[in-house]
Amino acid sequence: MISTAKIEIQQRFCKSCSASIKKELQVIEQVENVRLYPKDSLITFNFMNAEKLSSALNVLSRLGYSEKGERIKEESLKSLCSC
């Protein structure tokens, strides 16, 4: 069954960085229809199971875009976006 994730991100990102984030998420099998909304710090996508959602969240964290409400260390606040 396909589910839709709506992830609010703590850090803002620009339109330019959206392409890099999207590219990284689309590498994950069974993660599709990735859409990014920079003005709202929002990322949505479809996924097949909890493992795929977890993989996507891990990719976002690795890139420096942690989910809103997630506790992160201050040194981890550096995101891909330097705009």
C-alpha atoms as a PDB file:
ATOM      1  CA  MET A   1       0.000   0.000   0.000  1.00  0.00           C
ATOM      2  CA  ILE A   2       1.316   3.435  -0.918  1.00  0.00           C
ATOM      3  CA  SER A   3       1.418   6.093   1.791  1.00  0.00           C
ATOM      4  CA  THR A   4       2.234   9.793   1.598  1.00  0.00           C
ATOM      5  CA  ALA A   5       4.760  11.488   3.876  1.00  0.00           C
ATOM      6  CA  LYS A   6       4.519  15.174   4.696  1.00  0.00           C
ATOM      7  CA  ILE A   7       7.768  16.186   6.388  1.00  0.00           C
ATOM      8  CA  GLU A   8       8.248  19.630   7.909  1.00  0.00           C
ATOM      9  CA  ILE A   9      11.945  20.492   8.030  1.00  0.00           C
ATOM     10  CA  GLN A  10      13.611  22.554  10.784  1.00  0.00           C
ATOM     11  CA  GLN A  11      16.004  24.340   8.437  1.00  0.00           C
ATOM     12  CA  ARG A  12      14.978  26.397   5.466  1.00  0.00           C
ATOM     13  CA  PHE A  13      16.193  25.480   1.998  1.00  0.00           C
ATOM     14  CA  CYS A  14      16.220  27.347  -1.294  1.00  0.00           C
ATOM     15  CA  LYS A  15      14.957  26.320  -4.723  1.00  0.00           C
ATOM     16  CA  SER A  16      18.502  25.543  -5.866  1.00  0.00           C
ATOM     17  CA  CYS A  17      19.090  23.113  -3.008  1.00  0.00           C
ATOM     18  CA  SER A  18      15.702  21.492  -3.613  1.00  0.00           C
ATOM     19  CA  ALA A  19      17.113  19.753  -6.683  1.00  0.00           C
ATOM     20  CA  SER A  20      19.897  18.141  -4.631  1.00  0.00           C
ATOM     21  CA  ILE A  21      17.507  17.025  -1.895  1.00  0.00           C
ATOM     22  CA  LYS A  22      15.096  15.593  -4.457  1.00  0.00           C
ATOM     23  CA  LYS A  23      17.890  13.735  -6.244  1.00  0.00           C
ATOM     24  CA  GLU A  24      19.033  12.108  -2.984  1.00  0.00           C
ATOM     25  CA  LEU A  25      15.495  11.022  -2.042  1.00  0.00           C
ATOM     26  CA  GLN A  26      14.732   9.610  -5.485  1.00  0.00           C
ATOM     27  CA  VAL A  27      17.670   7.208  -5.157  1.00  0.00           C
ATOM     28  CA  ILE A  28      15.682   5.291  -2.530  1.00  0.00           C
ATOM     29  CA  GLU A  29      13.659   2.508  -4.143  1.00  0.00           C
ATOM     30  CA  GLN A  30       9.891   2.841  -3.742  1.00  0.00           C
ATOM     31  CA  VAL A  31      10.101   6.539  -2.799  1.00  0.00           C
ATOM     32  CA  GLU A  32       8.258   8.426  -5.523  1.00  0.00           C
ATOM     33  CA  ASN A  33       6.572  11.723  -6.366  1.00  0.00           C
ATOM     34  CA  VAL A  34       9.048  13.759  -4.332  1.00  0.00           C
ATOM     35  CA  ARG A  35       7.915  17.363  -4.057  1.00  0.00           C
ATOM     36  CA  LEU A  36       9.635  20.187  -2.196  1.00  0.00           C
ATOM     37  CA  TYR A  37       8.130  23.424  -0.949  1.00  0.00           C
ATOM     38  CA  PRO A  38      11.016  25.731   0.064  1.00  0.00           C
ATOM     39  CA  LYS A  39       8.811  28.593   1.312  1.00  0.00           C
ATOM     40  CA  ASP A  40       7.106  26.214   3.757  1.00  0.00           C
ATOM     41  CA  SER A  41      10.176  24.081   4.617  1.00  0.00           C
ATOM     42  CA  LEU A  42       8.078  21.111   3.533  1.00  0.00           C
ATOM     43  CA  ILE A  43       8.891  17.901   1.667  1.00  0.00           C
ATOM     44  CA  THR A  44       6.301  15.364   0.517  1.00  0.00           C
ATOM     45  CA  PHE A  45       6.696  11.979  -1.140  1.00  0.00           C
ATOM     46  CA  ASN A  46       5.018   8.603  -1.560  1.00  0.00           C
ATOM     47  CA  PHE A  47       6.545   5.490  -0.004  1.00  0.00           C
ATOM     48  CA  MET A  48       5.730   1.784   0.207  1.00  0.00           C
ATOM     49  CA  ASN A  49       6.628   0.853   3.799  1.00  0.00           C
ATOM     50  CA  ALA A  50       8.059   2.137   7.088  1.00  0.00           C
ATOM     51  CA  GLU A  51      11.586   1.102   6.087  1.00  0.00           C
ATOM     52  CA  LYS A  52      11.472   3.445   3.077  1.00  0.00           C
ATOM     53  CA  LEU A  53      10.158   6.301   5.221  1.00  0.00           C
ATOM     54  CA  SER A  54      12.962   5.701   7.715  1.00  0.00           C
ATOM     55  CA  SER A  55      15.533   5.669   4.904  1.00  0.00           C
ATOM     56  CA  ALA A  56      14.214   8.984   3.579  1.00  0.00           C
ATOM     57  CA  LEU A  57      14.324  10.592   7.033  1.00  0.00           C
ATOM     58  CA  ASN A  58      17.896   9.356   7.487  1.00  0.00           C
ATOM     59  CA  VAL A  59      18.899  10.857   4.122  1.00  0.00           C
ATOM     60  CA  LEU A  60      17.351  14.194   5.081  1.00  0.00           C
ATOM     61  CA  SER A  61      19.180  14.182   8.425  1.00  0.00           C
ATOM     62  CA  ARG A  62      22.462  13.287   6.731  1.00  0.00           C
ATOM     63  CA  LEU A  63      22.008  16.259   4.390  1.00  0.00           C
ATOM     64  CA  GLY A  64      21.354  18.553   7.364  1.00  0.00           C
ATOM     65  CA  TYR A  65      17.565  18.765   7.037  1.00  0.00           C
ATOM     66  CA  SER A  66      16.129  17.300  10.211  1.00  0.00           C
ATOM     67  CA  GLU A  67      12.420  16.814  10.721  1.00  0.00           C
ATOM     68  CA  LYS A  68      10.702  19.534  12.720  1.00  0.00           C
ATOM     69  CA  GLY A  69      10.579  18.546  16.382  1.00  0.00           C
ATOM     70  CA  GLU A  70      13.589  16.229  16.136  1.00  0.00           C
ATOM     71  CA  ARG A  71      16.270  16.943  18.722  1.00  0.00           C
ATOM     72  CA  ILE A  72      19.566  17.684  17.053  1.00  0.00           C
ATOM     73  CA  LYS A  73      22.985  18.779  18.220  1.00  0.00           C
ATOM     74  CA  GLU A  74      23.891  22.348  17.348  1.00  0.00           C
ATOM     75  CA  GLU A  75      26.920  21.231  15.314  1.00  0.00           C
ATOM     76  CA  SER A  76      24.519  19.189  13.156  1.00  0.00           C
ATOM     77  CA  LEU A  77      22.593  22.287  12.079  1.00  0.00           C
ATOM     78  CA  LYS A  78      24.726  22.803   8.974  1.00  0.00           C
ATOM     79  CA  SER A  79      22.576  21.992   5.989  1.00  0.00           C
ATOM     80  CA  LEU A  80      23.300  21.508   2.330  1.00  0.00           C
ATOM     81  CA  CYS A  81      21.891  24.979   1.635  1.00  0.00           C
ATOM     82  CA  SER A  82      24.418  27.771   1.906  1.00  0.00           C
ATOM     83  CA  CYS A  83      22.338  30.307   0.014  1.00  0.00           C
END
